[in-house]
Protein backbone atom coordinates (compact mmCIF):
# COMPACT_ATOMS: atom_id res chain seq x y z
CA MET A 1 36.29 44.25 49.26
CA SER A 2 39.74 44.32 47.82
CA ASN A 3 40.55 44.54 44.17
CA ARG A 4 41.91 41.02 44.16
CA THR A 5 38.71 39.41 45.55
CA THR A 6 36.63 41.50 43.16
CA LEU A 7 38.79 40.24 40.27
CA TYR A 8 38.42 36.63 41.40
CA LEU A 9 34.68 37.06 41.85
CA LEU A 10 34.31 38.57 38.37
CA MET A 11 36.45 35.79 36.84
CA ALA A 12 34.28 33.15 38.58
CA LEU A 13 31.12 34.86 37.32
CA ALA A 14 32.57 35.05 33.78
CA ALA A 15 33.50 31.34 33.90
CA ALA A 16 30.02 30.47 35.17
CA ALA A 17 28.45 32.63 32.43
CA ILE A 18 30.56 30.90 29.75
CA GLY A 19 29.63 27.47 31.13
CA LEU A 20 25.93 28.34 31.28
CA ARG A 21 26.02 29.72 27.75
CA MET A 22 27.66 26.55 26.41
CA TRP A 23 25.09 24.40 28.25
CA SER A 24 22.16 26.50 26.99
CA VAL A 25 23.44 26.40 23.37
CA SER A 26 23.82 22.62 23.48
CA SER A 27 20.39 22.26 25.12
CA LEU A 28 18.86 24.54 22.48
CA ALA A 29 20.43 22.48 19.68
CA THR A 30 19.13 19.26 21.26
CA TRP A 31 15.70 20.88 21.67
CA ASP A 32 15.64 22.01 18.03
CA ASP A 33 16.68 18.55 16.83
CA ASN A 34 13.95 16.91 18.91
CA VAL A 35 11.35 19.38 17.64
CA ALA A 36 12.36 18.65 14.03
CA VAL A 37 12.15 14.89 14.65
CA HIS A 38 8.72 15.22 16.25
CA VAL A 39 7.46 17.45 13.44
CA SER A 40 8.52 14.88 10.83
CA LYS A 41 6.94 12.05 12.85
CA TYR A 42 3.77 14.08 13.27
CA LYS A 43 3.62 14.68 9.51
CA ALA A 44 4.04 10.94 8.89
CA ILE A 45 1.25 10.19 11.38
CA VAL A 46 -1.07 12.72 9.73
CA GLU A 47 -0.32 11.30 6.26
CA THR A 48 -0.98 7.76 7.51
CA CYS A 49 -4.26 8.84 9.12
CA ASN A 50 -5.38 10.58 5.95
CA ASP A 51 -4.45 7.52 3.87
CA LEU A 52 -6.35 5.23 6.23
CA GLU A 53 -9.36 7.54 6.13
CA LEU A 54 -9.40 7.43 2.32
CA ARG A 55 -8.96 3.67 2.28
CA ARG A 56 -11.70 3.26 4.85
CA GLU A 57 -14.12 5.33 2.79
CA ASP A 58 -13.39 3.24 -0.31
CA ALA A 59 -13.33 -0.07 1.54
CA PRO A 60 -16.13 -2.54 0.90
CA LYS A 61 -18.49 -2.93 3.80
CA GLY A 62 -19.52 -6.59 3.62
CA SER A 63 -18.14 -10.07 3.33
CA ASP A 64 -20.91 -11.67 1.30
CA GLU A 65 -20.75 -12.60 -2.40
CA THR A 66 -22.46 -9.45 -3.67
CA SER A 67 -20.01 -7.28 -1.78
CA PHE A 68 -17.08 -9.06 -3.44
CA ARG A 69 -18.71 -8.83 -6.86
CA LYS A 70 -19.34 -5.11 -6.44
CA HIS A 71 -15.77 -4.60 -5.29
CA PHE A 72 -14.20 -6.32 -8.30
CA GLN A 73 -16.68 -4.68 -10.66
CA ARG A 74 -15.86 -1.22 -9.26
CA GLN A 75 -12.12 -1.83 -9.63
CA ALA A 76 -12.58 -3.04 -13.21
CA HIS A 77 -14.57 0.08 -14.11
CA LYS A 78 -11.93 2.32 -12.52
CA ALA A 79 -9.24 0.59 -14.61
CA LEU A 80 -11.43 0.90 -17.76
CA MET A 81 -11.62 -2.86 -18.18
CA GLY A 82 -15.39 -3.24 -18.59
CA ASP A 83 -17.63 -5.74 -16.85
CA VAL A 84 -16.47 -8.82 -14.98
CA ASN A 85 -18.01 -12.08 -13.87
CA VAL A 86 -16.92 -13.16 -10.43
CA SER A 87 -17.40 -16.67 -9.14
CA VAL A 88 -16.88 -17.09 -5.41
CA ASN A 89 -15.86 -20.55 -4.25
CA PRO A 90 -15.40 -21.11 -0.52
CA LEU A 91 -12.75 -23.73 0.12
CA ALA A 92 -12.73 -26.26 2.94
CA ALA A 93 -11.85 -24.53 6.21
CA LYS A 94 -8.64 -25.53 7.92
CA ARG A 95 -8.05 -25.40 11.67
CA THR A 96 -6.75 -21.84 11.76
CA TYR A 97 -8.08 -20.23 8.58
CA ALA A 98 -10.79 -20.29 5.93
CA ASP A 99 -10.19 -19.47 2.27
CA LYS A 100 -12.41 -18.02 -0.43
CA ARG A 101 -11.34 -18.24 -4.06
CA PHE A 102 -12.50 -15.65 -6.58
CA GLU A 103 -12.27 -16.47 -10.27
CA ILE A 104 -12.52 -13.36 -12.42
CA GLU A 105 -13.67 -13.45 -16.03
CA PHE A 106 -13.60 -10.27 -18.11
CA LEU A 107 -16.41 -9.78 -20.60
CA LYS A 108 -14.39 -7.34 -22.73
CA ALA A 109 -11.50 -9.80 -23.05
CA ALA A 110 -11.49 -9.89 -26.88
CA ASP A 111 -10.05 -6.38 -27.11
CA GLY A 112 -7.35 -7.06 -24.53
CA PHE A 113 -5.97 -4.79 -21.85
CA SER A 114 -2.91 -2.60 -21.52
CA ARG A 115 -0.34 -3.18 -18.80
CA PRO A 116 -1.21 0.01 -16.88
CA SER A 117 -4.88 -0.93 -16.64
CA LEU A 118 -3.96 -4.47 -15.53
CA ARG A 119 -1.59 -3.07 -12.92
CA MET A 120 -4.24 -0.63 -11.68
CA PHE A 121 -6.90 -3.33 -11.41
CA LEU A 122 -4.65 -5.79 -9.57
CA PHE A 123 -3.27 -3.17 -7.18
CA SER A 124 -6.69 -1.74 -6.32
CA ALA A 125 -8.33 -5.13 -5.94
CA GLU A 126 -5.70 -6.27 -3.44
CA GLN A 127 -5.28 -3.00 -1.61
CA LYS A 128 -8.88 -2.11 -0.81
CA TYR A 129 -10.09 -5.45 0.51
CA PRO A 130 -8.38 -7.07 3.50
CA ARG A 131 -6.35 -10.26 3.03
CA ILE A 132 -6.98 -10.64 -0.72
CA ARG A 133 -4.02 -11.74 -2.83
CA THR A 134 -3.58 -12.72 -6.46
CA THR A 135 -2.90 -16.45 -6.65
CA ALA A 136 -3.13 -17.07 -10.40
CA LEU A 137 -2.58 -14.72 -13.31
CA ASN A 138 -2.07 -16.01 -16.84
CA LEU A 139 -1.56 -13.50 -19.64
CA ARG A 140 -1.21 -13.94 -23.38
CA PRO A 141 -0.33 -11.23 -25.89
CA ILE A 142 -3.10 -10.32 -28.27
CA GLY A 143 -2.36 -11.14 -31.90
CA GLY A 144 -0.08 -14.08 -31.27
CA SER A 145 -0.60 -17.76 -30.73
CA GLY A 146 0.38 -17.42 -27.10
CA ARG A 147 3.97 -18.39 -27.77
CA SER A 148 6.80 -16.07 -28.67
CA ARG A 149 7.83 -18.19 -31.69
CA GLY A 150 4.97 -16.83 -33.79
CA ILE A 151 6.32 -13.28 -33.65
CA GLU A 152 9.36 -12.32 -35.66
CA ALA A 153 12.31 -10.89 -33.79
CA GLY A 154 12.54 -7.10 -33.91
CA VAL A 155 8.91 -6.60 -34.91
CA ASP A 156 7.03 -4.02 -32.88
CA ARG A 157 3.69 -5.04 -31.50
CA GLU A 158 1.13 -3.42 -29.28
CA ASP A 159 1.40 -3.91 -25.55
CA ILE A 160 -2.08 -5.41 -25.28
CA TRP A 161 -2.71 -8.55 -23.25
CA GLU A 162 -5.47 -11.09 -22.86
CA ILE A 163 -6.17 -12.51 -19.42
CA THR A 164 -6.67 -16.25 -19.70
CA LYS A 165 -6.90 -16.88 -15.96
CA LEU A 166 -7.20 -14.55 -12.97
CA GLU A 167 -7.78 -15.84 -9.50
CA PHE A 168 -7.74 -14.14 -6.10
CA ARG A 169 -7.81 -15.74 -2.69
CA GLN A 170 -8.89 -14.33 0.65
CA ARG A 171 -7.60 -16.06 3.76
CA THR A 172 -9.49 -15.28 6.95
CA PRO A 173 -8.33 -16.43 10.38
CA VAL A 174 -10.79 -18.67 12.18
CA GLY A 175 -11.17 -18.61 15.95
CA LYS A 176 -10.41 -21.68 17.98
CA LYS A 177 -13.38 -23.96 18.49
CA ASP A 178 -13.74 -25.34 21.97
């Protein structure tokens, strides 16, 4: 082989090596990006599975009146709100769904409740049972007449509230009747 063909052969090999290196670096960067994306998605999936497992453990197991009463009672105790009376009223079924209305009455209502405990009760009551939503919530500040005119402007007062009406509704889809 002559020096010239050897030079051309080495230049072709060098060009091929440079091209392969550029391709491998770009492929490695793409690979690393994909691995990072999959790791983050995997972490999100694991967190979702763990959350669902916790929610499933805490979820009520029945759909009868006692199950609903136990559920609301448990959420009230967790929020430090005392005992509750729950009246379950099934409403007339429509063609595609059936509703149940739950009227909640707190037995410790004279003392009132703070906003964080109200928030905790409402969030937990809706989150842990499927298709339950708050449909009526009437609050009144403790120590006033229920209207803001009775309180002087600029006067500090406690953030304690009385629940005058609390109602939840569960809407369940009904299968088609043939």
